[in-house]
Amino acid sequence: MAPPPSHDTVVAALQALRGDASAWHSDAVQMRTGSRAAAALALDPAVFSGLGEVTGYPVVYHRLVAKVVALFDGGAANFDAVGTALTTAADGYDQDERNAVHLMRGVW
């Protein structure tokens, strides 16, 4: 059986988890920026030609913009969920480490 990790190894792992969580949350912010940029691309139907109106192009265009916005928003939510899961894992490992140290000090 392998020995338990050293305190320094645990600290480094917790820092890595928290750093990764921060990166995922930061990327979620970028995804939301993309969502806002895509939403800004929505055009007034009046800018399309009469032929575009007849062929239904404005409806297709607006559906496409809505889909891109939804994909960015969904991506942002998923990135935040991963960041939150990593933070939760780090918090759990941190608490386990604190409990183990406390228990060992009580034994000694």
PDB file of N, CA and C in Angstrom:
ATOM      1  N   MET A   1       0.852  -1.175   0.000  1.00  0.00           N
ATOM      2  CA  MET A   1       0.000   0.000   0.000  1.00  0.00           C
ATOM      3  C   MET A   1       0.902   1.244   0.000  1.00  0.00           C
ATOM      4  N   ALA A   2       0.557   2.198  -0.829  1.00  0.00           N
ATOM      5  CA  ALA A   2       1.347   3.427  -0.943  1.00  0.00           C
ATOM      6  C   ALA A   2       1.136   4.298   0.290  1.00  0.00           C
ATOM      7  N   PRO A   3       2.170   5.014   0.701  1.00  0.00           N
ATOM      8  CA  PRO A   3       2.011   5.918   1.853  1.00  0.00           C
ATOM      9  C   PRO A   3       1.114   7.086   1.464  1.00  0.00           C
ATOM     10  N   PRO A   4       0.493   7.701   2.447  1.00  0.00           N
ATOM     11  CA  PRO A   4      -0.359   8.860   2.141  1.00  0.00           C
ATOM     12  C   PRO A   4       0.496  10.006   1.598  1.00  0.00           C
ATOM     13  N   PRO A   5      -0.108  10.886   0.832  1.00  0.00           N
ATOM     14  CA  PRO A   5       0.665  12.009   0.282  1.00  0.00           C
ATOM     15  C   PRO A   5       1.131  12.940   1.404  1.00  0.00           C
ATOM     16  N   SER A   6       2.227  13.610   1.143  1.00  0.00           N
ATOM     17  CA  SER A   6       2.734  14.563   2.135  1.00  0.00           C
ATOM     18  C   SER A   6       1.819  15.781   2.181  1.00  0.00           C
ATOM     19  N   HIS A   7       1.989  16.545   3.247  1.00  0.00           N
ATOM     20  CA  HIS A   7       1.186  17.766   3.397  1.00  0.00           C
ATOM     21  C   HIS A   7       1.433  18.711   2.224  1.00  0.00           C
ATOM     22  N   ASP A   8       2.699  18.833   1.801  1.00  0.00           N
ATOM     23  CA  ASP A   8       3.026  19.718   0.683  1.00  0.00           C
ATOM     24  C   ASP A   8       2.357  19.251  -0.615  1.00  0.00           C
ATOM     25  N   THR A   9       2.281  17.950  -0.800  1.00  0.00           N
ATOM     26  CA  THR A   9       1.621  17.405  -1.992  1.00  0.00           C
ATOM     27  C   THR A   9       0.135  17.732  -1.969  1.00  0.00           C
ATOM     28  N   VAL A  10      -0.464  17.604  -0.807  1.00  0.00           N
ATOM     29  CA  VAL A  10      -1.893  17.914  -0.668  1.00  0.00           C
ATOM     30  C   VAL A  10      -2.130  19.399  -0.920  1.00  0.00           C
ATOM     31  N   VAL A  11      -1.288  20.248  -0.347  1.00  0.00           N
ATOM     32  CA  VAL A  11      -1.428  21.693  -0.539  1.00  0.00           C
ATOM     33  C   VAL A  11      -1.296  22.040  -2.024  1.00  0.00           C
ATOM     34  N   ALA A  12      -0.307  21.444  -2.693  1.00  0.00           N
ATOM     35  CA  ALA A  12      -0.105  21.711  -4.122  1.00  0.00           C
ATOM     36  C   ALA A  12      -1.308  21.237  -4.935  1.00  0.00           C
ATOM     37  N   ALA A  13      -1.846  20.082  -4.599  1.00  0.00           N
ATOM     38  CA  ALA A  13      -3.013  19.559  -5.319  1.00  0.00           C
ATOM     39  C   ALA A  13      -4.228  20.459  -5.115  1.00  0.00           C
ATOM     40  N   LEU A  14      -4.406  20.949  -3.897  1.00  0.00           N
ATOM     41  CA  LEU A  14      -5.537  21.842  -3.619  1.00  0.00           C
ATOM     42  C   LEU A  14      -5.378  23.160  -4.384  1.00  0.00           C
ATOM     43  N   GLN A  15      -4.174  23.680  -4.429  1.00  0.00           N
ATOM     44  CA  GLN A  15      -3.930  24.905  -5.191  1.00  0.00           C
ATOM     45  C   GLN A  15      -4.209  24.682  -6.675  1.00  0.00           C
ATOM     46  N   ALA A  16      -3.811  23.526  -7.181  1.00  0.00           N
ATOM     47  CA  ALA A  16      -4.058  23.210  -8.593  1.00  0.00           C
ATOM     48  C   ALA A  16      -5.554  23.108  -8.871  1.00  0.00           C
ATOM     49  N   LEU A  17      -6.293  22.449  -7.979  1.00  0.00           N
ATOM     50  CA  LEU A  17      -7.744  22.343  -8.157  1.00  0.00           C
ATOM     51  C   LEU A  17      -8.402  23.719  -8.148  1.00  0.00           C
ATOM     52  N   ARG A  18      -8.006  24.545  -7.198  1.00  0.00           N
ATOM     53  CA  ARG A  18      -8.596  25.890  -7.109  1.00  0.00           C
ATOM     54  C   ARG A  18      -8.189  26.752  -8.310  1.00  0.00           C
ATOM     55  N   GLY A  19      -6.964  26.597  -8.778  1.00  0.00           N
ATOM     56  CA  GLY A  19      -6.525  27.326  -9.962  1.00  0.00           C
ATOM     57  C   GLY A  19      -7.303  26.896 -11.200  1.00  0.00           C
ATOM     58  N   ASP A  20      -7.507  25.588 -11.330  1.00  0.00           N
ATOM     59  CA  ASP A  20      -8.291  25.084 -12.457  1.00  0.00           C
ATOM     60  C   ASP A  20      -9.732  25.584 -12.375  1.00  0.00           C
ATOM     61  N   ALA A  21     -10.287  25.597 -11.179  1.00  0.00           N
ATOM     62  CA  ALA A  21     -11.663  26.087 -11.000  1.00  0.00           C
ATOM     63  C   ALA A  21     -11.763  27.540 -11.435  1.00  0.00           C
ATOM     64  N   SER A  22     -10.778  28.323 -11.047  1.00  0.00           N
ATOM     65  CA  SER A  22     -10.762  29.731 -11.421  1.00  0.00           C
ATOM     66  C   SER A  22     -10.686  29.884 -12.945  1.00  0.00           C
ATOM     67  N   ALA A  23      -9.879  29.062 -13.585  1.00  0.00           N
ATOM     68  CA  ALA A  23      -9.761  29.116 -15.050  1.00  0.00           C
ATOM     69  C   ALA A  23     -11.089  28.784 -15.717  1.00  0.00           C
ATOM     70  N   TRP A  24     -11.791  27.771 -15.211  1.00  0.00           N
ATOM     71  CA  TRP A  24     -13.097  27.414 -15.791  1.00  0.00           C
ATOM     72  C   TRP A  24     -14.090  28.553 -15.620  1.00  0.00           C
ATOM     73  N   HIS A  25     -14.109  29.180 -14.445  1.00  0.00           N
ATOM     74  CA  HIS A  25     -15.021  30.311 -14.227  1.00  0.00           C
ATOM     75  C   HIS A  25     -14.654  31.493 -15.125  1.00  0.00           C
ATOM     76  N   SER A  26     -13.362  31.725 -15.298  1.00  0.00           N
ATOM     77  CA  SER A  26     -12.913  32.794 -16.182  1.00  0.00           C
ATOM     78  C   SER A  26     -13.340  32.522 -17.626  1.00  0.00           C
ATOM     79  N   ASP A  27     -13.222  31.277 -18.041  1.00  0.00           N
ATOM     80  CA  ASP A  27     -13.656  30.920 -19.399  1.00  0.00           C
ATOM     81  C   ASP A  27     -15.163  31.070 -19.554  1.00  0.00           C
ATOM     82  N   ALA A  28     -15.908  30.825 -18.487  1.00  0.00           N
ATOM     83  CA  ALA A  28     -17.359  31.031 -18.530  1.00  0.00           C
ATOM     84  C   ALA A  28     -17.676  32.501 -18.787  1.00  0.00           C
ATOM     85  N   VAL A  29     -16.900  33.384 -18.182  1.00  0.00           N
ATOM     86  CA  VAL A  29     -17.082  34.824 -18.416  1.00  0.00           C
ATOM     87  C   VAL A  29     -16.847  35.132 -19.895  1.00  0.00           C
ATOM     88  N   GLN A  30     -15.820  34.527 -20.467  1.00  0.00           N
ATOM     89  CA  GLN A  30     -15.536  34.737 -21.888  1.00  0.00           C
ATOM     90  C   GLN A  30     -16.678  34.213 -22.762  1.00  0.00           C
ATOM     91  N   MET A  31     -17.250  33.085 -22.371  1.00  0.00           N
ATOM     92  CA  MET A  31     -18.382  32.535 -23.125  1.00  0.00           C
ATOM     93  C   MET A  31     -19.575  33.496 -23.065  1.00  0.00           C
ATOM     94  N   ARG A  32     -19.791  34.098 -21.911  1.00  0.00           N
ATOM     95  CA  ARG A  32     -20.890  35.064 -21.797  1.00  0.00           C
ATOM     96  C   ARG A  32     -20.630  36.303 -22.661  1.00  0.00           C
ATOM     97  N   THR A  33     -19.371  36.681 -22.761  1.00  0.00           N
ATOM     98  CA  THR A  33     -19.004  37.789 -23.651  1.00  0.00           C
ATOM     99  C   THR A  33     -19.335  37.423 -25.091  1.00  0.00           C
ATOM    100  N   GLY A  34     -19.028  36.202 -25.469  1.00  0.00           N
ATOM    101  CA  GLY A  34     -19.380  35.728 -26.808  1.00  0.00           C
ATOM    102  C   GLY A  34     -20.878  35.706 -27.031  1.00  0.00           C
ATOM    103  N   SER A  35     -21.608  35.339 -25.999  1.00  0.00           N
ATOM    104  CA  SER A  35     -23.068  35.327 -26.096  1.00  0.00           C
ATOM    105  C   SER A  35     -23.614  36.725 -26.358  1.00  0.00           C
ATOM    106  N   ARG A  36     -23.090  37.692 -25.609  1.00  0.00           N
ATOM    107  CA  ARG A  36     -23.548  39.076 -25.807  1.00  0.00           C
ATOM    108  C   ARG A  36     -23.177  39.581 -27.200  1.00  0.00           C
ATOM    109  N   ALA A  37     -21.988  39.215 -27.661  1.00  0.00           N
ATOM    110  CA  ALA A  37     -21.561  39.637 -29.004  1.00  0.00           C
ATOM    111  C   ALA A  37     -22.462  39.017 -30.066  1.00  0.00           C
ATOM    112  N   ALA A  38     -22.801  37.752 -29.902  1.00  0.00           N
ATOM    113  CA  ALA A  38     -23.683  37.086 -30.865  1.00  0.00           C
ATOM    114  C   ALA A  38     -25.082  37.708 -30.832  1.00  0.00           C
ATOM    115  N   ALA A  39     -25.571  38.010 -29.637  1.00  0.00           N
ATOM    116  CA  ALA A  39     -26.899  38.625 -29.525  1.00  0.00           C
ATOM    117  C   ALA A  39     -26.936  39.980 -30.213  1.00  0.00           C
ATOM    118  N   ALA A  40     -25.806  40.676 -30.178  1.00  0.00           N
ATOM    119  CA  ALA A  40     -25.738  41.990 -30.819  1.00  0.00           C
ATOM    120  C   ALA A  40     -25.791  41.890 -32.341  1.00  0.00           C
ATOM    121  N   LEU A  41     -25.590  40.699 -32.869  1.00  0.00           N
ATOM    122  CA  LEU A  41     -25.642  40.495 -34.320  1.00  0.00           C
ATOM    123  C   LEU A  41     -27.070  40.401 -34.856  1.00  0.00           C
ATOM    124  N   ALA A  42     -28.036  40.339 -33.963  1.00  0.00           N
ATOM    125  CA  ALA A  42     -29.432  40.264 -34.399  1.00  0.00           C
ATOM    126  C   ALA A  42     -29.780  41.535 -35.160  1.00  0.00           C
ATOM    127  N   LEU A  43     -30.281  41.360 -36.342  1.00  0.00           N
ATOM    128  CA  LEU A  43     -30.610  42.494 -37.203  1.00  0.00           C
ATOM    129  C   LEU A  43     -32.119  42.698 -37.275  1.00  0.00           C
ATOM    130  N   ASP A  44     -32.497  43.916 -37.483  1.00  0.00           N
ATOM    131  CA  ASP A  44     -33.906  44.253 -37.701  1.00  0.00           C
ATOM    132  C   ASP A  44     -34.317  43.646 -39.047  1.00  0.00           C
ATOM    133  N   PRO A  45     -35.467  42.994 -39.100  1.00  0.00           N
ATOM    134  CA  PRO A  45     -35.907  42.393 -40.366  1.00  0.00           C
ATOM    135  C   PRO A  45     -35.962  43.394 -41.523  1.00  0.00           C
ATOM    136  N   ALA A  46     -36.076  44.671 -41.231  1.00  0.00           N
ATOM    137  CA  ALA A  46     -36.160  45.686 -42.280  1.00  0.00           C
ATOM    138  C   ALA A  46     -34.868  45.790 -43.083  1.00  0.00           C
ATOM    139  N   VAL A  47     -33.742  45.309 -42.557  1.00  0.00           N
ATOM    140  CA  VAL A  47     -32.475  45.418 -43.278  1.00  0.00           C
ATOM    141  C   VAL A  47     -32.338  44.359 -44.372  1.00  0.00           C
ATOM    142  N   PHE A  48     -33.207  43.366 -44.338  1.00  0.00           N
ATOM    143  CA  PHE A  48     -33.162  42.333 -45.366  1.00  0.00           C
ATOM    144  C   PHE A  48     -33.945  42.793 -46.593  1.00  0.00           C
ATOM    145  N   SER A  49     -33.524  42.341 -47.726  1.00  0.00           N
ATOM    146  CA  SER A  49     -34.201  42.744 -48.963  1.00  0.00           C
ATOM    147  C   SER A  49     -35.604  42.144 -49.017  1.00  0.00           C
ATOM    148  N   GLY A  50     -36.380  42.652 -49.938  1.00  0.00           N
ATOM    149  CA  GLY A  50     -37.717  42.101 -50.139  1.00  0.00           C
ATOM    150  C   GLY A  50     -37.657  40.627 -50.503  1.00  0.00           C
ATOM    151  N   LEU A  51     -36.660  40.252 -51.292  1.00  0.00           N
ATOM    152  CA  LEU A  51     -36.493  38.850 -51.666  1.00  0.00           C
ATOM    153  C   LEU A  51     -36.158  38.012 -50.426  1.00  0.00           C
ATOM    154  N   GLY A  52     -35.345  38.579 -49.565  1.00  0.00           N
ATOM    155  CA  GLY A  52     -35.016  37.873 -48.322  1.00  0.00           C
ATOM    156  C   GLY A  52     -36.255  37.639 -47.489  1.00  0.00           C
ATOM    157  N   GLU A  53     -37.116  38.625 -47.463  1.00  0.00           N
ATOM    158  CA  GLU A  53     -38.379  38.517 -46.717  1.00  0.00           C
ATOM    159  C   GLU A  53     -39.233  37.394 -47.306  1.00  0.00           C
ATOM    160  N   VAL A  54     -39.310  37.353 -48.623  1.00  0.00           N
ATOM    161  CA  VAL A  54     -40.131  36.339 -49.304  1.00  0.00           C
ATOM    162  C   VAL A  54     -39.586  34.939 -49.063  1.00  0.00           C
ATOM    163  N   THR A  55     -38.285  34.791 -49.073  1.00  0.00           N
ATOM    164  CA  THR A  55     -37.681  33.466 -48.908  1.00  0.00           C
ATOM    165  C   THR A  55     -37.581  33.039 -47.445  1.00  0.00           C
ATOM    166  N   GLY A  56     -37.867  33.933 -46.530  1.00  0.00           N
ATOM    167  CA  GLY A  56     -37.817  33.587 -45.107  1.00  0.00           C
ATOM    168  C   GLY A  56     -36.433  33.692 -44.497  1.00  0.00           C
ATOM    169  N   TYR A  57     -35.537  34.340 -45.204  1.00  0.00           N
ATOM    170  CA  TYR A  57     -34.163  34.463 -44.709  1.00  0.00           C
ATOM    171  C   TYR A  57     -34.078  35.125 -43.331  1.00  0.00           C
ATOM    172  N   PRO A  58     -34.823  36.197 -43.067  1.00  0.00           N
ATOM    173  CA  PRO A  58     -34.718  36.816 -41.741  1.00  0.00           C
ATOM    174  C   PRO A  58     -35.065  35.846 -40.603  1.00  0.00           C
ATOM    175  N   VAL A  59     -36.045  34.997 -40.818  1.00  0.00           N
ATOM    176  CA  VAL A  59     -36.433  34.033 -39.775  1.00  0.00           C
ATOM    177  C   VAL A  59     -35.294  33.043 -39.534  1.00  0.00           C
ATOM    178  N   VAL A  60     -34.701  32.539 -40.609  1.00  0.00           N
ATOM    179  CA  VAL A  60     -33.585  31.597 -40.484  1.00  0.00           C
ATOM    180  C   VAL A  60     -32.398  32.277 -39.801  1.00  0.00           C
ATOM    181  N   TYR A  61     -32.120  33.501 -40.205  1.00  0.00           N
ATOM    182  CA  TYR A  61     -31.010  34.253 -39.622  1.00  0.00           C
ATOM    183  C   TYR A  61     -31.219  34.439 -38.114  1.00  0.00           C
ATOM    184  N   HIS A  62     -32.396  34.814 -37.711  1.00  0.00           N
ATOM    185  CA  HIS A  62     -32.657  35.052 -36.286  1.00  0.00           C
ATOM    186  C   HIS A  62     -32.639  33.748 -35.492  1.00  0.00           C
ATOM    187  N   ARG A  63     -33.061  32.662 -36.107  1.00  0.00           N
ATOM    188  CA  ARG A  63     -32.949  31.362 -35.435  1.00  0.00           C
ATOM    189  C   ARG A  63     -31.484  30.992 -35.232  1.00  0.00           C
ATOM    190  N   LEU A  64     -30.668  31.278 -36.247  1.00  0.00           N
ATOM    191  CA  LEU A  64     -29.246  30.988 -36.146  1.00  0.00           C
ATOM    192  C   LEU A  64     -28.608  31.815 -35.026  1.00  0.00           C
ATOM    193  N   VAL A  65     -28.903  33.088 -34.983  1.00  0.00           N
ATOM    194  CA  VAL A  65     -28.368  33.943 -33.912  1.00  0.00           C
ATOM    195  C   VAL A  65     -28.817  33.419 -32.550  1.00  0.00           C
ATOM    196  N   ALA A  66     -30.090  33.070 -32.432  1.00  0.00           N
ATOM    197  CA  ALA A  66     -30.608  32.544 -31.157  1.00  0.00           C
ATOM    198  C   ALA A  66     -29.899  31.250 -30.778  1.00  0.00           C
ATOM    199  N   LYS A  67     -29.611  30.394 -31.760  1.00  0.00           N
ATOM    200  CA  LYS A  67     -28.925  29.126 -31.493  1.00  0.00           C
ATOM    201  C   LYS A  67     -27.498  29.385 -31.000  1.00  0.00           C
ATOM    202  N   VAL A  68     -26.795  30.309 -31.648  1.00  0.00           N
ATOM    203  CA  VAL A  68     -25.431  30.628 -31.238  1.00  0.00           C
ATOM    204  C   VAL A  68     -25.423  31.196 -29.816  1.00  0.00           C
ATOM    205  N   VAL A  69     -26.357  32.092 -29.524  1.00  0.00           N
ATOM    206  CA  VAL A  69     -26.466  32.656 -28.177  1.00  0.00           C
ATOM    207  C   VAL A  69     -26.735  31.534 -27.163  1.00  0.00           C
ATOM    208  N   ALA A  70     -27.642  30.633 -27.494  1.00  0.00           N
ATOM    209  CA  ALA A  70     -27.963  29.525 -26.587  1.00  0.00           C
ATOM    210  C   ALA A  70     -26.752  28.618 -26.372  1.00  0.00           C
ATOM    211  N   LEU A  71     -25.982  28.377 -27.422  1.00  0.00           N
ATOM    212  CA  LEU A  71     -24.788  27.544 -27.273  1.00  0.00           C
ATOM    213  C   LEU A  71     -23.749  28.223 -26.377  1.00  0.00           C
ATOM    214  N   PHE A  72     -23.543  29.508 -26.571  1.00  0.00           N
ATOM    215  CA  PHE A  72     -22.624  30.238 -25.691  1.00  0.00           C
ATOM    216  C   PHE A  72     -23.120  30.210 -24.244  1.00  0.00           C
ATOM    217  N   ASP A  73     -24.411  30.456 -24.044  1.00  0.00           N
ATOM    218  CA  ASP A  73     -24.967  30.460 -22.684  1.00  0.00           C
ATOM    219  C   ASP A  73     -24.859  29.086 -22.039  1.00  0.00           C
ATOM    220  N   GLY A  74     -25.151  28.040 -22.810  1.00  0.00           N
ATOM    221  CA  GLY A  74     -25.027  26.677 -22.287  1.00  0.00           C
ATOM    222  C   GLY A  74     -23.588  26.339 -21.951  1.00  0.00           C
ATOM    223  N   GLY A  75     -22.679  26.761 -22.829  1.00  0.00           N
ATOM    224  CA  GLY A  75     -21.257  26.537 -22.554  1.00  0.00           C
ATOM    225  C   GLY A  75     -20.816  27.240 -21.290  1.00  0.00           C
ATOM    226  N   ALA A  76     -21.259  28.472 -21.112  1.00  0.00           N
ATOM    227  CA  ALA A  76     -20.907  29.228 -19.908  1.00  0.00           C
ATOM    228  C   ALA A  76     -21.428  28.525 -18.657  1.00  0.00           C
ATOM    229  N   ALA A  77     -22.655  28.051 -18.726  1.00  0.00           N
ATOM    230  CA  ALA A  77     -23.227  27.344 -17.570  1.00  0.00           C
ATOM    231  C   ALA A  77     -22.437  26.071 -17.273  1.00  0.00           C
ATOM    232  N   ASN A  78     -22.057  25.343 -18.329  1.00  0.00           N
ATOM    233  CA  ASN A  78     -21.277  24.119 -18.120  1.00  0.00           C
ATOM    234  C   ASN A  78     -19.889  24.433 -17.573  1.00  0.00           C
ATOM    235  N   PHE A  79     -19.250  25.482 -18.082  1.00  0.00           N
ATOM    236  CA  PHE A  79     -17.938  25.859 -17.569  1.00  0.00           C
ATOM    237  C   PHE A  79     -18.034  26.231 -16.096  1.00  0.00           C
ATOM    238  N   ASP A  80     -19.071  26.989 -15.736  1.00  0.00           N
ATOM    239  CA  ASP A  80     -19.261  27.337 -14.319  1.00  0.00           C
ATOM    240  C   ASP A  80     -19.501  26.089 -13.477  1.00  0.00           C
ATOM    241  N   ALA A  81     -20.245  25.129 -14.014  1.00  0.00           N
ATOM    242  CA  ALA A  81     -20.515  23.891 -13.269  1.00  0.00           C
ATOM    243  C   ALA A  81     -19.223  23.112 -13.016  1.00  0.00           C
ATOM    244  N   VAL A  82     -18.349  23.051 -14.008  1.00  0.00           N
ATOM    245  CA  VAL A  82     -17.065  22.370 -13.825  1.00  0.00           C
ATOM    246  C   VAL A  82     -16.235  23.116 -12.775  1.00  0.00           C
ATOM    247  N   GLY A  83     -16.195  24.440 -12.867  1.00  0.00           N
ATOM    248  CA  GLY A  83     -15.458  25.228 -11.884  1.00  0.00           C
ATOM    249  C   GLY A  83     -15.987  25.012 -10.475  1.00  0.00           C
ATOM    250  N   THR A  84     -17.300  24.974 -10.347  1.00  0.00           N
ATOM    251  CA  THR A  84     -17.912  24.746  -9.033  1.00  0.00           C
ATOM    252  C   THR A  84     -17.606  23.337  -8.523  1.00  0.00           C
ATOM    253  N   ALA A  85     -17.633  22.353  -9.411  1.00  0.00           N
ATOM    254  CA  ALA A  85     -17.313  20.976  -9.003  1.00  0.00           C
ATOM    255  C   ALA A  85     -15.866  20.874  -8.533  1.00  0.00           C
ATOM    256  N   LEU A  86     -14.961  21.551  -9.231  1.00  0.00           N
ATOM    257  CA  LEU A  86     -13.559  21.533  -8.814  1.00  0.00           C
ATOM    258  C   LEU A  86     -13.372  22.217  -7.460  1.00  0.00           C
ATOM    259  N   THR A  87     -14.075  23.320  -7.237  1.00  0.00           N
ATOM    260  CA  THR A  87     -14.007  24.007  -5.946  1.00  0.00           C
ATOM    261  C   THR A  87     -14.571  23.120  -4.839  1.00  0.00           C
ATOM    262  N   THR A  88     -15.676  22.461  -5.122  1.00  0.00           N
ATOM    263  CA  THR A  88     -16.286  21.554  -4.138  1.00  0.00           C
ATOM    264  C   THR A  88     -15.338  20.410  -3.805  1.00  0.00           C
ATOM    265  N   ALA A  89     -14.687  19.864  -4.831  1.00  0.00           N
ATOM    266  CA  ALA A  89     -13.718  18.787  -4.589  1.00  0.00           C
ATOM    267  C   ALA A  89     -12.558  19.293  -3.739  1.00  0.00           C
ATOM    268  N   ALA A  90     -12.042  20.458  -4.078  1.00  0.00           N
ATOM    269  CA  ALA A  90     -10.936  21.032  -3.305  1.00  0.00           C
ATOM    270  C   ALA A  90     -11.360  21.264  -1.856  1.00  0.00           C
ATOM    271  N   ASP A  91     -12.556  21.794  -1.668  1.00  0.00           N
ATOM    272  CA  ASP A  91     -13.048  22.035  -0.301  1.00  0.00           C
ATOM    273  C   ASP A  91     -13.158  20.720   0.466  1.00  0.00           C
ATOM    274  N   GLY A  92     -13.647  19.689  -0.198  1.00  0.00           N
ATOM    275  CA  GLY A  92     -13.782  18.377   0.451  1.00  0.00           C
ATOM    276  C   GLY A  92     -12.436  17.790   0.829  1.00  0.00           C
ATOM    277  N   TYR A  93     -11.486  17.831  -0.120  1.00  0.00           N
ATOM    278  CA  TYR A  93     -10.147  17.326   0.178  1.00  0.00           C
ATOM    279  C   TYR A  93      -9.493  18.142   1.295  1.00  0.00           C
ATOM    280  N   ASP A  94      -9.687  19.438   1.274  1.00  0.00           N
ATOM    281  CA  ASP A  94      -9.124  20.308   2.295  1.00  0.00           C
ATOM    282  C   ASP A  94      -9.692  19.946   3.664  1.00  0.00           C
ATOM    283  N   GLN A  95     -10.996  19.754   3.732  1.00  0.00           N
ATOM    284  CA  GLN A  95     -11.620  19.393   5.008  1.00  0.00           C
ATOM    285  C   GLN A  95     -11.153  18.019   5.473  1.00  0.00           C
ATOM    286  N   ASP A  96     -11.034  17.072   4.549  1.00  0.00           N
ATOM    287  CA  ASP A  96     -10.527  15.742   4.914  1.00  0.00           C
ATOM    288  C   ASP A  96      -9.118  15.828   5.482  1.00  0.00           C
ATOM    289  N   GLU A  97      -8.288  16.650   4.860  1.00  0.00           N
ATOM    290  CA  GLU A  97      -6.916  16.819   5.333  1.00  0.00           C
ATOM    291  C   GLU A  97      -6.900  17.443   6.730  1.00  0.00           C
ATOM    292  N   ARG A  98      -7.732  18.450   6.929  1.00  0.00           N
ATOM    293  CA  ARG A  98      -7.799  19.088   8.257  1.00  0.00           C
ATOM    294  C   ARG A  98      -8.275  18.089   9.312  1.00  0.00           C
ATOM    295  N   ASN A  99      -9.272  17.290   8.969  1.00  0.00           N
ATOM    296  CA  ASN A  99      -9.787  16.286   9.912  1.00  0.00           C
ATOM    297  C   ASN A  99      -8.722  15.237  10.231  1.00  0.00           C
ATOM    298  N   ALA A 100      -7.981  14.813   9.191  1.00  0.00           N
ATOM    299  CA  ALA A 100      -6.941  13.803   9.407  1.00  0.00           C
ATOM    300  C   ALA A 100      -5.835  14.354  10.289  1.00  0.00           C
ATOM    301  N   VAL A 101      -5.408  15.582  10.053  1.00  0.00           N
ATOM    302  CA  VAL A 101      -4.363  16.201  10.871  1.00  0.00           C
ATOM    303  C   VAL A 101      -4.853  16.344  12.308  1.00  0.00           C
ATOM    304  N   HIS A 102      -6.093  16.782  12.468  1.00  0.00           N
ATOM    305  CA  HIS A 102      -6.657  16.937  13.819  1.00  0.00           C
ATOM    306  C   HIS A 102      -6.694  15.584  14.529  1.00  0.00           C
ATOM    307  N   LEU A 103      -7.125  14.541  13.827  1.00  0.00           N
ATOM    308  CA  LEU A 103      -7.210  13.213  14.406  1.00  0.00           C
ATOM    309  C   LEU A 103      -5.813  12.706  14.794  1.00  0.00           C
ATOM    310  N   MET A 104      -4.840  12.927  13.910  1.00  0.00           N
ATOM    311  CA  MET A 104      -3.479  12.478  14.215  1.00  0.00           C
ATOM    312  C   MET A 104      -2.901  13.225  15.419  1.00  0.00           C
ATOM    313  N   ARG A 105      -3.178  14.493  15.537  1.00  0.00           N
ATOM    314  CA  ARG A 105      -2.676  15.267  16.690  1.00  0.00           C
ATOM    315  C   ARG A 105      -3.335  14.791  17.974  1.00  0.00           C
ATOM    316  N   GLY A 106      -4.588  14.368  17.875  1.00  0.00           N
ATOM    317  CA  GLY A 106      -5.291  13.851  19.060  1.00  0.00           C
ATOM    318  C   GLY A 106      -4.742  12.514  19.495  1.00  0.00           C
ATOM    319  N   VAL A 107      -4.267  11.720  18.532  1.00  0.00           N
ATOM    320  CA  VAL A 107      -3.719  10.413  18.848  1.00  0.00           C
ATOM    321  C   VAL A 107      -2.345  10.555  19.497  1.00  0.00           C
ATOM    322  N   TRP A 108      -1.563  11.489  18.999  1.00  0.00           N
ATOM    323  CA  TRP A 108      -0.214  11.673  19.517  1.00  0.00           C
ATOM    324  C   TRP A 108      -0.275  12.516  20.757  1.00  0.00           C
TER     325      TRP A 108
END
